[in-house]
Amino acid sequence: MDKRNTSSGFTITSANFEPGTALPEIHTCEGKPFAAGISPALEWTAGPEETRSYAIVFADQSLLEAGNPNYAYHWAIWNIPASTQSLAQGIGGYEQYQARGDILLPSTLGSAEHRQARGLKHFFGPCPSWKHFCTQGASPRVKDFYSFTLYALPENLMDVPPYEPEANENYVDTLNAFFAMRALDRTEIRAHSDAAPNSLPFPCPKE
């Protein structure tokens, strides 16, 4: 079910999917390497008058509800100017990163994904059915629910906390908590995916 905070009229939508529906395969790892996929287009209404910037966090709500935040937070982007009310499809996507070896983002933006220890910052596409790949289809696909949470923030060019893996290996989790504490308002849009990859960056677990 789609859950959005609309008490102030602050809402987020996407031209690529309807709230509560499946993310199109282009945004997921379906038939691609683990974590591949490009971010969807996102649009939103203006935040409170005091808003100076926005941040967006992409998270696996199913993992959060299962008590597994270490892998739940996938991607964050911040220092989006208050004058901006949309992001184009494919901001910092995996394919662009692989092709160029850099992050296709304006220099004022910050971006991070949850495999921060490897120094990667691209969009981390949903890939909940990786065990389906490992078992050659013997394990059923898993459908997880995901959220894009938009934060309206009172600061521009925010200095975010440094990555400290000894405190929290998932840097996006740290960033999400930082944005949540400072937010003037927040809203979100949800979708789901059962995507399975065609390759993994780690060995399949032995049964």
C-alpha atoms as a PDB file:
ATOM      1  CA  MET A   1       0.000   0.000   0.000  1.00  0.00           C
ATOM      2  CA  ASP A   2       1.219   3.495  -0.813  1.00  0.00           C
ATOM      3  CA  LYS A   3       1.777   5.636   2.271  1.00  0.00           C
ATOM      4  CA  ARG A   4       2.508   9.325   1.836  1.00  0.00           C
ATOM      5  CA  ASN A   5       2.488  12.242   4.256  1.00  0.00           C
ATOM      6  CA  THR A   6       0.088  14.677   2.630  1.00  0.00           C
ATOM      7  CA  SER A   7      -0.949  16.697   5.689  1.00  0.00           C
ATOM      8  CA  SER A   8       0.769  19.812   4.343  1.00  0.00           C
ATOM      9  CA  GLY A   9       0.185  19.116   0.653  1.00  0.00           C
ATOM     10  CA  PHE A  10       3.809  17.995   0.328  1.00  0.00           C
ATOM     11  CA  THR A  11       3.783  15.024  -2.069  1.00  0.00           C
ATOM     12  CA  ILE A  12       6.123  13.076  -4.332  1.00  0.00           C
ATOM     13  CA  THR A  13       5.170  11.236  -7.535  1.00  0.00           C
ATOM     14  CA  SER A  14       6.873   9.499 -10.466  1.00  0.00           C
ATOM     15  CA  ALA A  15       6.150   9.464 -14.178  1.00  0.00           C
ATOM     16  CA  ASN A  16       7.611   5.948 -14.315  1.00  0.00           C
ATOM     17  CA  PHE A  17       5.266   4.106 -11.946  1.00  0.00           C
ATOM     18  CA  GLU A  18       2.027   4.511 -10.042  1.00  0.00           C
ATOM     19  CA  PRO A  19       2.162   4.520  -6.227  1.00  0.00           C
ATOM     20  CA  GLY A  20       2.057   1.014  -4.800  1.00  0.00           C
ATOM     21  CA  THR A  21       2.776  -0.737  -8.111  1.00  0.00           C
ATOM     22  CA  ALA A  22       5.805  -2.663  -9.385  1.00  0.00           C
ATOM     23  CA  LEU A  23       8.927  -0.731 -10.289  1.00  0.00           C
ATOM     24  CA  PRO A  24       9.631  -1.175 -14.018  1.00  0.00           C
ATOM     25  CA  GLU A  25      12.536  -3.532 -14.748  1.00  0.00           C
ATOM     26  CA  ILE A  26      14.750  -0.672 -15.967  1.00  0.00           C
ATOM     27  CA  HIS A  27      14.936   0.520 -12.342  1.00  0.00           C
ATOM     28  CA  THR A  28      15.819  -2.919 -10.953  1.00  0.00           C
ATOM     29  CA  CYS A  29      18.463  -5.638 -11.305  1.00  0.00           C
ATOM     30  CA  GLU A  30      16.108  -7.867 -13.325  1.00  0.00           C
ATOM     31  CA  GLY A  31      18.309  -9.777 -15.810  1.00  0.00           C
ATOM     32  CA  LYS A  32      21.276  -7.545 -14.954  1.00  0.00           C
ATOM     33  CA  PRO A  33      24.124  -7.577 -12.424  1.00  0.00           C
ATOM     34  CA  PHE A  34      23.254  -7.327  -8.739  1.00  0.00           C
ATOM     35  CA  ALA A  35      22.346  -3.718  -7.757  1.00  0.00           C
ATOM     36  CA  ALA A  36      21.989  -2.591 -11.371  1.00  0.00           C
ATOM     37  CA  GLY A  37      19.144  -0.379 -12.516  1.00  0.00           C
ATOM     38  CA  ILE A  38      18.635   3.353 -12.912  1.00  0.00           C
ATOM     39  CA  SER A  39      16.719   5.709 -10.665  1.00  0.00           C
ATOM     40  CA  PRO A  40      13.199   6.678 -11.753  1.00  0.00           C
ATOM     41  CA  ALA A  41      12.062  10.189 -12.538  1.00  0.00           C
ATOM     42  CA  LEU A  42      10.688  11.865  -9.419  1.00  0.00           C
ATOM     43  CA  GLU A  43       8.625  15.035  -9.073  1.00  0.00           C
ATOM     44  CA  TRP A  44       7.324  16.778  -5.973  1.00  0.00           C
ATOM     45  CA  THR A  45       5.384  19.769  -4.701  1.00  0.00           C
ATOM     46  CA  ALA A  46       7.218  22.542  -2.866  1.00  0.00           C
ATOM     47  CA  GLY A  47       8.120  21.978   0.764  1.00  0.00           C
ATOM     48  CA  PRO A  48       7.524  24.459   3.595  1.00  0.00           C
ATOM     49  CA  GLU A  49       8.524  28.085   3.064  1.00  0.00           C
ATOM     50  CA  GLU A  50      11.705  27.613   5.119  1.00  0.00           C
ATOM     51  CA  THR A  51      12.945  24.815   2.827  1.00  0.00           C
ATOM     52  CA  ARG A  52      16.480  25.409   1.517  1.00  0.00           C
ATOM     53  CA  SER A  53      17.202  21.976   0.060  1.00  0.00           C
ATOM     54  CA  TYR A  54      15.830  18.472  -0.395  1.00  0.00           C
ATOM     55  CA  ALA A  55      17.184  14.980   0.173  1.00  0.00           C
ATOM     56  CA  ILE A  56      15.841  11.651  -1.106  1.00  0.00           C
ATOM     57  CA  VAL A  57      16.443   8.244   0.471  1.00  0.00           C
ATOM     58  CA  PHE A  58      15.588   4.942  -1.243  1.00  0.00           C
ATOM     59  CA  ALA A  59      14.980   2.043   1.153  1.00  0.00           C
ATOM     60  CA  ASP A  60      13.697  -1.528   1.267  1.00  0.00           C
ATOM     61  CA  GLN A  61      10.748  -1.325   3.659  1.00  0.00           C
ATOM     62  CA  SER A  62      10.392  -5.103   3.787  1.00  0.00           C
ATOM     63  CA  LEU A  63      13.894  -5.447   5.210  1.00  0.00           C
ATOM     64  CA  LEU A  64      13.227  -2.652   7.693  1.00  0.00           C
ATOM     65  CA  GLU A  65      10.071  -4.377   8.900  1.00  0.00           C
ATOM     66  CA  ALA A  66      12.090  -7.594   9.233  1.00  0.00           C
ATOM     67  CA  GLY A  67      14.570  -5.770  11.482  1.00  0.00           C
ATOM     68  CA  ASN A  68      17.441  -5.708   8.990  1.00  0.00           C
ATOM     69  CA  PRO A  69      18.420  -2.046   8.487  1.00  0.00           C
ATOM     70  CA  ASN A  70      22.009  -2.918   7.575  1.00  0.00           C
ATOM     71  CA  TYR A  71      20.895  -3.858   4.049  1.00  0.00           C
ATOM     72  CA  ALA A  72      17.626  -1.939   3.854  1.00  0.00           C
ATOM     73  CA  TYR A  73      18.891   1.536   2.956  1.00  0.00           C
ATOM     74  CA  HIS A  74      19.963   1.557  -0.686  1.00  0.00           C
ATOM     75  CA  TRP A  75      20.632   5.085  -1.896  1.00  0.00           C
ATOM     76  CA  ALA A  76      20.599   8.725  -0.842  1.00  0.00           C
ATOM     77  CA  ILE A  77      20.931  11.984  -2.712  1.00  0.00           C
ATOM     78  CA  TRP A  78      21.027  15.372  -1.025  1.00  0.00           C
ATOM     79  CA  ASN A  79      21.738  19.104  -1.466  1.00  0.00           C
ATOM     80  CA  ILE A  80      18.991  19.252  -4.088  1.00  0.00           C
ATOM     81  CA  PRO A  81      18.277  23.018  -4.339  1.00  0.00           C
ATOM     82  CA  ALA A  82      14.947  24.289  -3.014  1.00  0.00           C
ATOM     83  CA  SER A  83      14.231  25.680  -6.487  1.00  0.00           C
ATOM     84  CA  THR A  84      14.268  22.122  -7.882  1.00  0.00           C
ATOM     85  CA  GLN A  85      11.093  20.044  -7.826  1.00  0.00           C
ATOM     86  CA  SER A  86      12.083  17.077  -9.966  1.00  0.00           C
ATOM     87  CA  LEU A  87      14.882  14.655 -10.786  1.00  0.00           C
ATOM     88  CA  ALA A  88      15.239  13.124 -14.227  1.00  0.00           C
ATOM     89  CA  GLN A  89      15.334   9.369 -14.727  1.00  0.00           C
ATOM     90  CA  GLY A  90      18.795   7.864 -14.441  1.00  0.00           C
ATOM     91  CA  ILE A  91      20.483  10.236 -11.997  1.00  0.00           C
ATOM     92  CA  GLY A  92      23.710   8.490 -11.048  1.00  0.00           C
ATOM     93  CA  GLY A  93      22.587   5.117 -12.388  1.00  0.00           C
ATOM     94  CA  TYR A  94      24.645   1.923 -12.377  1.00  0.00           C
ATOM     95  CA  GLU A  95      24.983   1.782 -16.161  1.00  0.00           C
ATOM     96  CA  GLN A  96      26.288   5.355 -16.386  1.00  0.00           C
ATOM     97  CA  TYR A  97      28.722   4.643 -13.541  1.00  0.00           C
ATOM     98  CA  GLN A  98      30.038   1.521 -15.239  1.00  0.00           C
ATOM     99  CA  ALA A  99      30.446   3.301 -18.575  1.00  0.00           C
ATOM    100  CA  ARG A 100      32.058   6.484 -17.300  1.00  0.00           C
ATOM    101  CA  GLY A 101      33.593   5.528 -13.985  1.00  0.00           C
ATOM    102  CA  ASP A 102      32.190   8.651 -12.370  1.00  0.00           C
ATOM    103  CA  ILE A 103      28.956   9.996 -10.912  1.00  0.00           C
ATOM    104  CA  LEU A 104      26.727  11.873 -13.327  1.00  0.00           C
ATOM    105  CA  LEU A 105      25.508  14.418 -10.806  1.00  0.00           C
ATOM    106  CA  PRO A 106      25.759  18.210 -10.554  1.00  0.00           C
ATOM    107  CA  SER A 107      28.724  19.105  -8.373  1.00  0.00           C
ATOM    108  CA  THR A 108      26.552  20.535  -5.586  1.00  0.00           C
ATOM    109  CA  LEU A 109      24.729  17.259  -5.026  1.00  0.00           C
ATOM    110  CA  GLY A 110      25.852  14.536  -2.674  1.00  0.00           C
ATOM    111  CA  SER A 111      25.116  10.882  -3.384  1.00  0.00           C
ATOM    112  CA  ALA A 112      25.819   7.591  -1.644  1.00  0.00           C
ATOM    113  CA  GLU A 113      24.711   3.981  -1.858  1.00  0.00           C
ATOM    114  CA  HIS A 114      24.860   1.329   0.784  1.00  0.00           C
ATOM    115  CA  ARG A 115      28.027  -0.481  -0.358  1.00  0.00           C
ATOM    116  CA  GLN A 116      29.916   2.591   0.812  1.00  0.00           C
ATOM    117  CA  ALA A 117      32.958   0.556   1.801  1.00  0.00           C
ATOM    118  CA  ARG A 118      33.626   0.126  -1.926  1.00  0.00           C
ATOM    119  CA  GLY A 119      33.344   3.847  -2.546  1.00  0.00           C
ATOM    120  CA  LEU A 120      30.334   3.514  -4.860  1.00  0.00           C
ATOM    121  CA  LYS A 121      27.644   6.175  -4.997  1.00  0.00           C
ATOM    122  CA  HIS A 122      25.312   5.147  -7.816  1.00  0.00           C
ATOM    123  CA  PHE A 123      21.636   4.215  -7.507  1.00  0.00           C
ATOM    124  CA  PHE A 124      21.312   0.742  -5.982  1.00  0.00           C
ATOM    125  CA  GLY A 125      18.479  -1.017  -7.806  1.00  0.00           C
ATOM    126  CA  PRO A 126      16.172  -3.506  -6.063  1.00  0.00           C
ATOM    127  CA  CYS A 127      17.383  -7.105  -6.170  1.00  0.00           C
ATOM    128  CA  PRO A 128      15.402  -9.067  -3.568  1.00  0.00           C
ATOM    129  CA  SER A 129      15.339 -12.375  -5.501  1.00  0.00           C
ATOM    130  CA  TRP A 130      19.077 -12.984  -5.624  1.00  0.00           C
ATOM    131  CA  LYS A 131      18.551 -16.413  -4.046  1.00  0.00           C
ATOM    132  CA  HIS A 132      16.287 -17.264  -7.006  1.00  0.00           C
ATOM    133  CA  PHE A 133      19.347 -16.721  -9.203  1.00  0.00           C
ATOM    134  CA  CYS A 134      21.607 -18.749  -6.907  1.00  0.00           C
ATOM    135  CA  THR A 135      19.296 -21.755  -6.959  1.00  0.00           C
ATOM    136  CA  GLN A 136      18.629 -21.534 -10.710  1.00  0.00           C
ATOM    137  CA  GLY A 137      14.981 -20.830 -10.024  1.00  0.00           C
ATOM    138  CA  ALA A 138      14.434 -23.432  -7.289  1.00  0.00           C
ATOM    139  CA  SER A 139      13.928 -20.761  -4.628  1.00  0.00           C
ATOM    140  CA  PRO A 140      10.789 -18.694  -5.179  1.00  0.00           C
ATOM    141  CA  ARG A 141      11.016 -15.049  -6.056  1.00  0.00           C
ATOM    142  CA  VAL A 142      10.724 -12.595  -3.165  1.00  0.00           C
ATOM    143  CA  LYS A 143       8.641  -9.427  -3.476  1.00  0.00           C
ATOM    144  CA  ASP A 144       9.929  -6.561  -1.349  1.00  0.00           C
ATOM    145  CA  PHE A 145       8.346  -3.153  -0.880  1.00  0.00           C
ATOM    146  CA  TYR A 146      10.431  -0.005  -1.385  1.00  0.00           C
ATOM    147  CA  SER A 147      10.094   3.685  -0.563  1.00  0.00           C
ATOM    148  CA  PHE A 148      11.465   6.914  -1.960  1.00  0.00           C
ATOM    149  CA  THR A 149      11.371   9.330   0.979  1.00  0.00           C
ATOM    150  CA  LEU A 150      11.712  13.037   0.252  1.00  0.00           C
ATOM    151  CA  TYR A 151      12.937  15.331   3.035  1.00  0.00           C
ATOM    152  CA  ALA A 152      12.473  19.116   3.022  1.00  0.00           C
ATOM    153  CA  LEU A 153      15.470  20.549   4.873  1.00  0.00           C
ATOM    154  CA  PRO A 154      16.273  24.007   6.333  1.00  0.00           C
ATOM    155  CA  GLU A 155      19.897  24.029   5.130  1.00  0.00           C
ATOM    156  CA  ASN A 156      21.639  24.290   1.779  1.00  0.00           C
ATOM    157  CA  LEU A 157      24.938  22.525   0.993  1.00  0.00           C
ATOM    158  CA  MET A 158      24.619  20.449   4.140  1.00  0.00           C
ATOM    159  CA  ASP A 159      27.678  18.987   5.816  1.00  0.00           C
ATOM    160  CA  VAL A 160      26.641  15.385   6.320  1.00  0.00           C
ATOM    161  CA  PRO A 161      28.188  12.986   8.841  1.00  0.00           C
ATOM    162  CA  PRO A 162      31.324  11.164   7.681  1.00  0.00           C
ATOM    163  CA  TYR A 163      31.241   7.479   6.854  1.00  0.00           C
ATOM    164  CA  GLU A 164      32.227   5.554   9.986  1.00  0.00           C
ATOM    165  CA  PRO A 165      31.879   1.823   9.246  1.00  0.00           C
ATOM    166  CA  GLU A 166      32.679   0.842  12.821  1.00  0.00           C
ATOM    167  CA  ALA A 167      29.513   2.699  13.924  1.00  0.00           C
ATOM    168  CA  ASN A 168      27.242   1.786  10.999  1.00  0.00           C
ATOM    169  CA  GLU A 169      28.330  -0.112   7.899  1.00  0.00           C
ATOM    170  CA  ASN A 170      25.351   1.186   5.945  1.00  0.00           C
ATOM    171  CA  TYR A 171      26.155   4.849   5.366  1.00  0.00           C
ATOM    172  CA  VAL A 172      22.736   5.535   3.828  1.00  0.00           C
ATOM    173  CA  ASP A 173      21.137   4.476   7.129  1.00  0.00           C
ATOM    174  CA  THR A 174      23.299   7.081   8.887  1.00  0.00           C
ATOM    175  CA  LEU A 175      22.314   9.717   6.348  1.00  0.00           C
ATOM    176  CA  ASN A 176      18.622   8.870   6.636  1.00  0.00           C
ATOM    177  CA  ALA A 177      18.697   9.374  10.399  1.00  0.00           C
ATOM    178  CA  PHE A 178      20.546  12.681   9.902  1.00  0.00           C
ATOM    179  CA  PHE A 179      17.956  13.970   7.408  1.00  0.00           C
ATOM    180  CA  ALA A 180      15.025  12.744   9.506  1.00  0.00           C
ATOM    181  CA  MET A 181      16.208  14.672  12.569  1.00  0.00           C
ATOM    182  CA  ARG A 182      16.461  17.933  10.609  1.00  0.00           C
ATOM    183  CA  ALA A 183      13.501  17.648   8.270  1.00  0.00           C
ATOM    184  CA  LEU A 184      10.865  20.361   8.134  1.00  0.00           C
ATOM    185  CA  ASP A 185       8.555  17.885   6.417  1.00  0.00           C
ATOM    186  CA  ARG A 186       8.752  14.573   4.628  1.00  0.00           C
ATOM    187  CA  THR A 187       6.724  12.563   2.149  1.00  0.00           C
ATOM    188  CA  GLU A 188       7.203   9.281   0.320  1.00  0.00           C
ATOM    189  CA  ILE A 189       6.095   7.112  -2.545  1.00  0.00           C
ATOM    190  CA  ARG A 190       6.222   3.317  -2.436  1.00  0.00           C
ATOM    191  CA  ALA A 191       6.542   0.538  -4.985  1.00  0.00           C
ATOM    192  CA  HIS A 192       7.521  -3.135  -5.017  1.00  0.00           C
ATOM    193  CA  SER A 193       9.868  -5.455  -6.911  1.00  0.00           C
ATOM    194  CA  ASP A 194      10.715  -9.143  -7.148  1.00  0.00           C
ATOM    195  CA  ALA A 195      13.747  -8.593  -9.378  1.00  0.00           C
ATOM    196  CA  ALA A 196      16.377 -11.309  -9.820  1.00  0.00           C
ATOM    197  CA  PRO A 197      19.920 -10.645 -11.131  1.00  0.00           C
ATOM    198  CA  ASN A 198      22.006 -12.503 -13.709  1.00  0.00           C
ATOM    199  CA  SER A 199      25.205 -12.198 -11.671  1.00  0.00           C
ATOM    200  CA  LEU A 200      26.363 -11.453  -8.135  1.00  0.00           C
ATOM    201  CA  PRO A 201      29.452  -9.665  -6.753  1.00  0.00           C
ATOM    202  CA  PHE A 202      29.647 -12.307  -3.994  1.00  0.00           C
ATOM    203  CA  PRO A 203      29.551 -16.123  -3.971  1.00  0.00           C
ATOM    204  CA  CYS A 204      26.172 -17.795  -3.676  1.00  0.00           C
ATOM    205  CA  PRO A 205      25.749 -19.267  -0.193  1.00  0.00           C
ATOM    206  CA  LYS A 206      26.142 -23.013   0.103  1.00  0.00           C
ATOM    207  CA  GLU A 207      22.979 -24.861   1.037  1.00  0.00           C
END
